């Protein structure tokens, strides 16, 4: 099995103090994708960098220090990551990086969260337009080369009503707007990608991967499913199992997101 994990860490330095070290030491994965690292490479605490014998590659934001940032952790140092997707605006914003492994190219994505009727939402739409064109072209390249393509990360969009608990109260919220959901429709219906977790869990609400720290959202499982593995059709057929590594209790969480893992029979 080839297992990939993706998780928004909500600040790597904070996560290092809350339990992520133990998780990195024990997780049975071949690749770990990180989002919202919020640190330069030299700012990552040694206690977490040395956990689990991982090779780290990080793309911090150059435009908003201490914000955003993505990373890819692998078991060896043979492959050099590429940062960005050819966008003058976003390649320096710590939003995307990818790496080539022997049979699969893997990307770590932190899509902008947006905010309804603000410039932040306009930024999100610009990102969606540019990134959508990139991944469609990139997937075709991978297919022509006989390679798989996997993008894991925090997509900051709940695709359907099954992907968030309180969908009725969030119809006008960024992350569940019709335009955002339509973009995912196109990704999965026209651009050749598969939401592999949903394919393996077709008839359930969730499984959620993000819960607000406010109130009792985690205890009541009032969550959002916004952390996806989007993969090409051929790789989707090789996905065997998918799960959310949900903390046992609110006080044992080391992020407001939980890791999402998928095992592939490669």
C-alpha atoms as a PDB file:
ATOM      1  CA  UNK A   1       0.000   0.000   0.000  1.00  0.00           C
ATOM      2  CA  UNK A   2       1.033   3.565  -0.740  1.00  0.00           C
ATOM      3  CA  UNK A   3      -0.507   5.923   1.822  1.00  0.00           C
ATOM      4  CA  UNK A   4      -0.809   9.690   1.566  1.00  0.00           C
ATOM      5  CA  UNK A   5      -1.935  11.932   4.425  1.00  0.00           C
ATOM      6  CA  UNK A   6      -2.989  15.553   4.171  1.00  0.00           C
ATOM      7  CA  UNK A   7      -3.582  17.938   7.063  1.00  0.00           C
ATOM      8  CA  UNK A   8      -3.925  21.652   7.700  1.00  0.00           C
ATOM      9  CA  UNK A   9      -1.750  22.063  10.799  1.00  0.00           C
ATOM     10  CA  UNK A  10      -3.039  25.545  11.756  1.00  0.00           C
ATOM     11  CA  UNK A  11       0.513  26.710  12.479  1.00  0.00           C
ATOM     12  CA  UNK A  12       3.359  24.189  12.676  1.00  0.00           C
ATOM     13  CA  UNK A  13       4.912  25.767  15.770  1.00  0.00           C
ATOM     14  CA  UNK A  14       1.653  25.583  17.700  1.00  0.00           C
ATOM     15  CA  UNK A  15       0.965  22.043  16.483  1.00  0.00           C
ATOM     16  CA  UNK A  16       4.417  20.952  17.657  1.00  0.00           C
ATOM     17  CA  UNK A  17       3.414  21.856  21.210  1.00  0.00           C
ATOM     18  CA  UNK A  18       0.037  20.112  21.096  1.00  0.00           C
ATOM     19  CA  UNK A  19       0.725  16.577  19.887  1.00  0.00           C
ATOM     20  CA  UNK A  20       1.770  16.638  16.259  1.00  0.00           C
ATOM     21  CA  UNK A  21       5.202  15.279  17.149  1.00  0.00           C
ATOM     22  CA  UNK A  22       3.671  12.007  18.338  1.00  0.00           C
ATOM     23  CA  UNK A  23       1.449  11.842  15.267  1.00  0.00           C
ATOM     24  CA  UNK A  24       4.360  12.312  12.853  1.00  0.00           C
ATOM     25  CA  UNK A  25       6.335   9.667  14.717  1.00  0.00           C
ATOM     26  CA  UNK A  26       3.604   7.036  14.531  1.00  0.00           C
ATOM     27  CA  UNK A  27       1.598   7.742  11.361  1.00  0.00           C
ATOM     28  CA  UNK A  28       1.805   4.909   8.833  1.00  0.00           C
ATOM     29  CA  UNK A  29       2.139   6.994   5.682  1.00  0.00           C
ATOM     30  CA  UNK A  30       4.582   7.379   2.819  1.00  0.00           C
ATOM     31  CA  UNK A  31       3.833  11.054   2.151  1.00  0.00           C
ATOM     32  CA  UNK A  32       2.405  13.783   4.380  1.00  0.00           C
ATOM     33  CA  UNK A  33       1.032  16.979   2.857  1.00  0.00           C
ATOM     34  CA  UNK A  34       0.873  20.048   5.091  1.00  0.00           C
ATOM     35  CA  UNK A  35      -1.065  23.287   4.811  1.00  0.00           C
ATOM     36  CA  UNK A  36      -1.091  26.527   6.806  1.00  0.00           C
ATOM     37  CA  UNK A  37       2.432  25.872   8.049  1.00  0.00           C
ATOM     38  CA  UNK A  38       2.841  29.572   8.958  1.00  0.00           C
ATOM     39  CA  UNK A  39       6.621  29.384   9.234  1.00  0.00           C
ATOM     40  CA  UNK A  40       9.811  29.798   7.280  1.00  0.00           C
ATOM     41  CA  UNK A  41      11.897  26.668   6.915  1.00  0.00           C
ATOM     42  CA  UNK A  42      14.353  27.753   9.630  1.00  0.00           C
ATOM     43  CA  UNK A  43      11.471  28.488  12.045  1.00  0.00           C
ATOM     44  CA  UNK A  44      10.205  24.908  12.150  1.00  0.00           C
ATOM     45  CA  UNK A  45      11.044  23.530  15.620  1.00  0.00           C
ATOM     46  CA  UNK A  46      13.697  20.821  15.633  1.00  0.00           C
ATOM     47  CA  UNK A  47      11.494  18.647  17.862  1.00  0.00           C
ATOM     48  CA  UNK A  48       8.997  18.259  15.026  1.00  0.00           C
ATOM     49  CA  UNK A  49      11.489  18.287  12.146  1.00  0.00           C
ATOM     50  CA  UNK A  50      13.237  15.291  13.715  1.00  0.00           C
ATOM     51  CA  UNK A  51      10.021  13.361  14.411  1.00  0.00           C
ATOM     52  CA  UNK A  52       9.423  10.285  12.303  1.00  0.00           C
ATOM     53  CA  UNK A  53      12.472  10.459  10.010  1.00  0.00           C
ATOM     54  CA  UNK A  54      10.836  12.610   7.356  1.00  0.00           C
ATOM     55  CA  UNK A  55      12.454  14.662   4.621  1.00  0.00           C
ATOM     56  CA  UNK A  56      10.886  18.136   4.782  1.00  0.00           C
ATOM     57  CA  UNK A  57      10.231  20.575   1.946  1.00  0.00           C
ATOM     58  CA  UNK A  58       8.292  23.754   2.714  1.00  0.00           C
ATOM     59  CA  UNK A  59       6.995  26.670   0.640  1.00  0.00           C
ATOM     60  CA  UNK A  60       6.241  29.580   2.996  1.00  0.00           C
ATOM     61  CA  UNK A  61       4.316  32.673   2.008  1.00  0.00           C
ATOM     62  CA  UNK A  62       6.590  35.464   0.815  1.00  0.00           C
ATOM     63  CA  UNK A  63       3.777  38.009   0.720  1.00  0.00           C
ATOM     64  CA  UNK A  64       2.236  37.518   4.169  1.00  0.00           C
ATOM     65  CA  UNK A  65       4.828  36.357   6.681  1.00  0.00           C
ATOM     66  CA  UNK A  66       3.463  33.961   9.255  1.00  0.00           C
ATOM     67  CA  UNK A  67       0.444  33.079   7.126  1.00  0.00           C
ATOM     68  CA  UNK A  68      -0.409  30.257   4.707  1.00  0.00           C
ATOM     69  CA  UNK A  69       2.517  28.015   3.694  1.00  0.00           C
ATOM     70  CA  UNK A  70       2.485  24.441   2.408  1.00  0.00           C
ATOM     71  CA  UNK A  71       4.809  21.486   2.845  1.00  0.00           C
ATOM     72  CA  UNK A  72       5.500  17.970   1.620  1.00  0.00           C
ATOM     73  CA  UNK A  73       7.105  15.310   3.800  1.00  0.00           C
ATOM     74  CA  UNK A  74       8.549  12.168   2.208  1.00  0.00           C
ATOM     75  CA  UNK A  75      10.595   9.220   3.368  1.00  0.00           C
ATOM     76  CA  UNK A  76      13.611  10.134   1.202  1.00  0.00           C
ATOM     77  CA  UNK A  77      15.294  13.183  -0.266  1.00  0.00           C
ATOM     78  CA  UNK A  78      15.487  12.023  -3.876  1.00  0.00           C
ATOM     79  CA  UNK A  79      12.877  14.396  -5.305  1.00  0.00           C
ATOM     80  CA  UNK A  80      12.980  18.192  -5.301  1.00  0.00           C
ATOM     81  CA  UNK A  81       9.666  19.967  -4.932  1.00  0.00           C
ATOM     82  CA  UNK A  82       8.405  22.613  -7.336  1.00  0.00           C
ATOM     83  CA  UNK A  83       6.710  25.659  -5.869  1.00  0.00           C
ATOM     84  CA  UNK A  84       3.659  27.240  -7.452  1.00  0.00           C
ATOM     85  CA  UNK A  85       1.719  26.671 -10.646  1.00  0.00           C
ATOM     86  CA  UNK A  86       2.850  29.474 -12.909  1.00  0.00           C
ATOM     87  CA  UNK A  87       0.861  32.264 -11.271  1.00  0.00           C
ATOM     88  CA  UNK A  88       2.531  35.617 -10.754  1.00  0.00           C
ATOM     89  CA  UNK A  89       0.107  36.409  -7.945  1.00  0.00           C
ATOM     90  CA  UNK A  90       0.000  33.125  -6.071  1.00  0.00           C
ATOM     91  CA  UNK A  91       3.332  31.361  -6.575  1.00  0.00           C
ATOM     92  CA  UNK A  92       4.878  33.464  -3.789  1.00  0.00           C
ATOM     93  CA  UNK A  93       1.886  33.107  -1.463  1.00  0.00           C
ATOM     94  CA  UNK A  94       2.593  29.648   0.010  1.00  0.00           C
ATOM     95  CA  UNK A  95      -0.434  28.057  -1.653  1.00  0.00           C
ATOM     96  CA  UNK A  96       0.846  25.148  -3.745  1.00  0.00           C
ATOM     97  CA  UNK A  97       3.843  22.894  -4.273  1.00  0.00           C
ATOM     98  CA  UNK A  98       4.287  19.500  -5.912  1.00  0.00           C
ATOM     99  CA  UNK A  99       6.772  16.667  -6.087  1.00  0.00           C
ATOM    100  CA  UNK A 100       7.467  13.824  -8.521  1.00  0.00           C
ATOM    101  CA  UNK A 101       7.698  10.318  -7.095  1.00  0.00           C
ATOM    102  CA  UNK A 102       8.376   7.255  -9.276  1.00  0.00           C
ATOM    103  CA  UNK A 103       4.826   6.815 -10.614  1.00  0.00           C
ATOM    104  CA  UNK A 104       2.862   9.741  -9.235  1.00  0.00           C
ATOM    105  CA  UNK A 105       3.079  13.523  -9.022  1.00  0.00           C
ATOM    106  CA  UNK A 106       1.686  14.816  -5.725  1.00  0.00           C
ATOM    107  CA  UNK A 107       0.636  18.366  -4.898  1.00  0.00           C
ATOM    108  CA  UNK A 108      -0.053  20.046  -1.561  1.00  0.00           C
ATOM    109  CA  UNK A 109      -2.730  22.736  -1.839  1.00  0.00           C
ATOM    110  CA  UNK A 110      -3.915  25.460   0.516  1.00  0.00           C
ATOM    111  CA  UNK A 111      -6.721  27.184  -1.327  1.00  0.00           C
ATOM    112  CA  UNK A 112      -7.659  30.687  -0.084  1.00  0.00           C
ATOM    113  CA  UNK A 113     -10.529  30.660   2.399  1.00  0.00           C
ATOM    114  CA  UNK A 114     -12.272  33.777   1.122  1.00  0.00           C
ATOM    115  CA  UNK A 115     -14.939  35.901   2.778  1.00  0.00           C
ATOM    116  CA  UNK A 116     -18.271  36.652   1.151  1.00  0.00           C
ATOM    117  CA  UNK A 117     -18.566  40.061  -0.553  1.00  0.00           C
ATOM    118  CA  UNK A 118     -14.996  41.130   0.259  1.00  0.00           C
ATOM    119  CA  UNK A 119     -11.718  41.409  -1.677  1.00  0.00           C
ATOM    120  CA  UNK A 120     -10.694  38.110  -0.079  1.00  0.00           C
ATOM    121  CA  UNK A 121     -13.475  36.371  -1.989  1.00  0.00           C
ATOM    122  CA  UNK A 122     -12.346  38.034  -5.210  1.00  0.00           C
ATOM    123  CA  UNK A 123      -8.868  36.683  -4.508  1.00  0.00           C
ATOM    124  CA  UNK A 124     -10.316  33.209  -4.037  1.00  0.00           C
ATOM    125  CA  UNK A 125     -12.105  33.372  -7.377  1.00  0.00           C
ATOM    126  CA  UNK A 126      -8.907  34.487  -9.121  1.00  0.00           C
ATOM    127  CA  UNK A 127      -7.111  31.534  -7.589  1.00  0.00           C
ATOM    128  CA  UNK A 128      -9.831  29.119  -8.671  1.00  0.00           C
ATOM    129  CA  UNK A 129      -9.734  30.333 -12.255  1.00  0.00           C
ATOM    130  CA  UNK A 130      -5.968  30.073 -12.566  1.00  0.00           C
ATOM    131  CA  UNK A 131      -5.561  26.849 -10.619  1.00  0.00           C
ATOM    132  CA  UNK A 132      -8.384  25.127 -12.477  1.00  0.00           C
ATOM    133  CA  UNK A 133      -6.699  25.755 -15.806  1.00  0.00           C
ATOM    134  CA  UNK A 134      -3.374  24.563 -14.435  1.00  0.00           C
ATOM    135  CA  UNK A 135      -4.558  21.264 -12.972  1.00  0.00           C
ATOM    136  CA  UNK A 136      -6.530  20.338 -16.086  1.00  0.00           C
ATOM    137  CA  UNK A 137      -3.469  20.890 -18.268  1.00  0.00           C
ATOM    138  CA  UNK A 138      -1.179  19.180 -15.766  1.00  0.00           C
ATOM    139  CA  UNK A 139      -3.415  16.126 -15.506  1.00  0.00           C
ATOM    140  CA  UNK A 140      -3.348  15.732 -19.275  1.00  0.00           C
ATOM    141  CA  UNK A 141       0.446  15.919 -19.217  1.00  0.00           C
ATOM    142  CA  UNK A 142       0.615  13.256 -16.532  1.00  0.00           C
ATOM    143  CA  UNK A 143      -1.769  11.015 -18.448  1.00  0.00           C
ATOM    144  CA  UNK A 144       0.331  11.319 -21.598  1.00  0.00           C
ATOM    145  CA  UNK A 145       3.426  10.349 -19.613  1.00  0.00           C
ATOM    146  CA  UNK A 146       1.696   7.375 -17.982  1.00  0.00           C
ATOM    147  CA  UNK A 147       1.886   8.964 -14.546  1.00  0.00           C
ATOM    148  CA  UNK A 148      -0.715   9.510 -11.829  1.00  0.00           C
ATOM    149  CA  UNK A 149      -1.643  12.923 -10.426  1.00  0.00           C
ATOM    150  CA  UNK A 150      -2.817  13.521  -6.843  1.00  0.00           C
ATOM    151  CA  UNK A 151      -3.618  16.832  -5.194  1.00  0.00           C
ATOM    152  CA  UNK A 152      -4.260  16.756  -1.467  1.00  0.00           C
ATOM    153  CA  UNK A 153      -4.964  19.634   0.808  1.00  0.00           C
ATOM    154  CA  UNK A 154      -7.315  22.152   2.306  1.00  0.00           C
ATOM    155  CA  UNK A 155      -9.632  23.158  -0.537  1.00  0.00           C
ATOM    156  CA  UNK A 156     -11.771  25.437   1.659  1.00  0.00           C
ATOM    157  CA  UNK A 157     -14.954  24.424  -0.190  1.00  0.00           C
ATOM    158  CA  UNK A 158     -17.627  21.995   0.963  1.00  0.00           C
ATOM    159  CA  UNK A 159     -18.836  20.438  -2.256  1.00  0.00           C
ATOM    160  CA  UNK A 160     -22.302  19.133  -1.371  1.00  0.00           C
ATOM    161  CA  UNK A 161     -24.806  19.162   1.463  1.00  0.00           C
ATOM    162  CA  UNK A 162     -23.245  15.922   2.719  1.00  0.00           C
ATOM    163  CA  UNK A 163     -19.974  17.780   3.251  1.00  0.00           C
ATOM    164  CA  UNK A 164     -21.047  20.052   6.087  1.00  0.00           C
ATOM    165  CA  UNK A 165     -23.403  19.548   8.976  1.00  0.00           C
ATOM    166  CA  UNK A 166     -25.119  22.935   8.998  1.00  0.00           C
ATOM    167  CA  UNK A 167     -25.495  23.454   5.254  1.00  0.00           C
ATOM    168  CA  UNK A 168     -28.801  25.313   5.546  1.00  0.00           C
ATOM    169  CA  UNK A 169     -27.177  28.011   7.686  1.00  0.00           C
ATOM    170  CA  UNK A 170     -24.173  28.397   5.376  1.00  0.00           C
ATOM    171  CA  UNK A 171     -25.777  28.954   1.972  1.00  0.00           C
ATOM    172  CA  UNK A 172     -24.306  32.465   1.831  1.00  0.00           C
ATOM    173  CA  UNK A 173     -21.001  31.622   3.519  1.00  0.00           C
ATOM    174  CA  UNK A 174     -17.681  31.450   1.732  1.00  0.00           C
ATOM    175  CA  UNK A 175     -16.842  27.787   1.370  1.00  0.00           C
ATOM    176  CA  UNK A 176     -20.378  26.828   0.350  1.00  0.00           C
ATOM    177  CA  UNK A 177     -21.267  29.444  -2.248  1.00  0.00           C
ATOM    178  CA  UNK A 178     -22.832  28.245  -5.516  1.00  0.00           C
ATOM    179  CA  UNK A 179     -19.899  29.523  -7.579  1.00  0.00           C
ATOM    180  CA  UNK A 180     -17.375  27.641  -5.438  1.00  0.00           C
ATOM    181  CA  UNK A 181     -19.362  24.423  -5.506  1.00  0.00           C
ATOM    182  CA  UNK A 182     -19.784  24.726  -9.280  1.00  0.00           C
ATOM    183  CA  UNK A 183     -16.007  24.957  -9.599  1.00  0.00           C
ATOM    184  CA  UNK A 184     -15.695  21.606  -7.810  1.00  0.00           C
ATOM    185  CA  UNK A 185     -18.462  20.213 -10.026  1.00  0.00           C
ATOM    186  CA  UNK A 186     -16.310  21.034 -13.015  1.00  0.00           C
ATOM    187  CA  UNK A 187     -13.153  19.662 -11.394  1.00  0.00           C
ATOM    188  CA  UNK A 188     -14.792  16.305 -10.793  1.00  0.00           C
ATOM    189  CA  UNK A 189     -17.163  16.140 -13.772  1.00  0.00           C
ATOM    190  CA  UNK A 190     -15.153  17.726 -16.590  1.00  0.00           C
ATOM    191  CA  UNK A 191     -11.515  18.071 -15.630  1.00  0.00           C
ATOM    192  CA  UNK A 192     -10.927  14.391 -14.980  1.00  0.00           C
ATOM    193  CA  UNK A 193     -10.453  14.298 -11.207  1.00  0.00           C
ATOM    194  CA  UNK A 194     -12.116  12.135  -8.577  1.00  0.00           C
ATOM    195  CA  UNK A 195     -12.937  13.026  -4.966  1.00  0.00           C
ATOM    196  CA  UNK A 196     -11.585   9.691  -3.809  1.00  0.00           C
ATOM    197  CA  UNK A 197     -12.720   9.948  -0.175  1.00  0.00           C
ATOM    198  CA  UNK A 198     -16.292  10.545  -1.294  1.00  0.00           C
ATOM    199  CA  UNK A 199     -16.063   7.653  -3.745  1.00  0.00           C
ATOM    200  CA  UNK A 200     -15.033   5.354  -0.910  1.00  0.00           C
ATOM    201  CA  UNK A 201     -17.664   6.830   1.456  1.00  0.00           C
ATOM    202  CA  UNK A 202     -20.584   7.514  -0.910  1.00  0.00           C
ATOM    203  CA  UNK A 203     -23.569   7.440   1.405  1.00  0.00           C
ATOM    204  CA  UNK A 204     -22.482   9.192   4.586  1.00  0.00           C
ATOM    205  CA  UNK A 205     -22.495  12.712   5.944  1.00  0.00           C
ATOM    206  CA  UNK A 206     -18.872  13.748   6.065  1.00  0.00           C
ATOM    207  CA  UNK A 207     -16.529  12.279   7.083  1.00  0.00           C
ATOM    208  CA  UNK A 208     -15.782  15.779   8.331  1.00  0.00           C
ATOM    209  CA  UNK A 209     -12.215  17.045   8.592  1.00  0.00           C
ATOM    210  CA  UNK A 210     -12.616  20.543  10.117  1.00  0.00           C
ATOM    211  CA  UNK A 211     -14.476  21.729  13.208  1.00  0.00           C
ATOM    212  CA  UNK A 212     -14.581  25.208  14.651  1.00  0.00           C
ATOM    213  CA  UNK A 213     -12.886  25.704  18.005  1.00  0.00           C
ATOM    214  CA  UNK A 214     -15.952  27.641  19.099  1.00  0.00           C
ATOM    215  CA  UNK A 215     -18.678  26.014  21.166  1.00  0.00           C
ATOM    216  CA  UNK A 216     -19.031  22.246  21.041  1.00  0.00           C
ATOM    217  CA  UNK A 217     -18.614  21.812  17.298  1.00  0.00           C
ATOM    218  CA  UNK A 218     -16.101  18.983  17.658  1.00  0.00           C
ATOM    219  CA  UNK A 219     -18.007  17.146  20.369  1.00  0.00           C
ATOM    220  CA  UNK A 220     -21.217  17.354  18.322  1.00  0.00           C
ATOM    221  CA  UNK A 221     -19.436  16.558  15.055  1.00  0.00           C
ATOM    222  CA  UNK A 222     -20.733  19.791  13.548  1.00  0.00           C
ATOM    223  CA  UNK A 223     -18.026  19.895  10.944  1.00  0.00           C
ATOM    224  CA  UNK A 224     -17.071  20.569   7.352  1.00  0.00           C
ATOM    225  CA  UNK A 225     -15.407  18.225   4.871  1.00  0.00           C
ATOM    226  CA  UNK A 226     -13.006  20.551   3.056  1.00  0.00           C
ATOM    227  CA  UNK A 227      -9.787  18.495   2.979  1.00  0.00           C
ATOM    228  CA  UNK A 228      -9.753  16.393  -0.175  1.00  0.00           C
ATOM    229  CA  UNK A 229      -7.660  13.986  -2.187  1.00  0.00           C
ATOM    230  CA  UNK A 230      -8.373  14.851  -5.831  1.00  0.00           C
ATOM    231  CA  UNK A 231      -6.843  12.216  -8.096  1.00  0.00           C
ATOM    232  CA  UNK A 232      -6.959  11.102 -11.708  1.00  0.00           C
ATOM    233  CA  UNK A 233      -9.458   8.436 -12.771  1.00  0.00           C
ATOM    234  CA  UNK A 234      -6.901   5.647 -13.007  1.00  0.00           C
ATOM    235  CA  UNK A 235      -5.450   6.297  -9.552  1.00  0.00           C
ATOM    236  CA  UNK A 236      -8.939   6.521  -8.065  1.00  0.00           C
ATOM    237  CA  UNK A 237      -9.540   2.924  -9.109  1.00  0.00           C
ATOM    238  CA  UNK A 238      -6.512   1.911  -7.048  1.00  0.00           C
ATOM    239  CA  UNK A 239      -7.689   3.624  -3.859  1.00  0.00           C
ATOM    240  CA  UNK A 240      -8.385   0.934  -1.278  1.00  0.00           C
ATOM    241  CA  UNK A 241      -9.321   2.765   1.904  1.00  0.00           C
ATOM    242  CA  UNK A 242      -9.755   6.332   3.169  1.00  0.00           C
ATOM    243  CA  UNK A 243     -10.208   7.664   6.667  1.00  0.00           C
ATOM    244  CA  UNK A 244     -10.092  10.768   8.839  1.00  0.00           C
ATOM    245  CA  UNK A 245      -7.689  10.485  11.767  1.00  0.00           C
ATOM    246  CA  UNK A 246     -10.018  12.247  14.173  1.00  0.00           C
ATOM    247  CA  UNK A 247      -8.700  13.036  17.647  1.00  0.00           C
ATOM    248  CA  UNK A 248     -10.395  11.094  20.469  1.00  0.00           C
ATOM    249  CA  UNK A 249     -11.465  14.287  22.252  1.00  0.00           C
ATOM    250  CA  UNK A 250     -11.516  18.055  21.897  1.00  0.00           C
ATOM    251  CA  UNK A 251      -8.601  18.558  24.266  1.00  0.00           C
ATOM    252  CA  UNK A 252      -6.319  16.143  22.358  1.00  0.00           C
ATOM    253  CA  UNK A 253      -6.593  17.997  19.042  1.00  0.00           C
ATOM    254  CA  UNK A 254      -3.431  19.591  17.684  1.00  0.00           C
ATOM    255  CA  UNK A 255      -5.235  21.455  14.885  1.00  0.00           C
ATOM    256  CA  UNK A 256      -8.760  22.505  14.013  1.00  0.00           C
ATOM    257  CA  UNK A 257      -8.407  20.091  11.058  1.00  0.00           C
ATOM    258  CA  UNK A 258      -7.873  16.334  11.254  1.00  0.00           C
ATOM    259  CA  UNK A 259      -5.559  14.407   8.922  1.00  0.00           C
ATOM    260  CA  UNK A 260      -7.220  12.722   5.940  1.00  0.00           C
ATOM    261  CA  UNK A 261      -5.469   9.577   4.711  1.00  0.00           C
ATOM    262  CA  UNK A 262      -5.926   7.401   1.635  1.00  0.00           C
ATOM    263  CA  UNK A 263      -4.144   4.135   0.833  1.00  0.00           C
ATOM    264  CA  UNK A 264      -3.571   3.218  -2.806  1.00  0.00           C
ATOM    265  CA  UNK A 265      -2.622  -0.196  -4.207  1.00  0.00           C
ATOM    266  CA  UNK A 266       0.222   0.912  -6.489  1.00  0.00           C
END
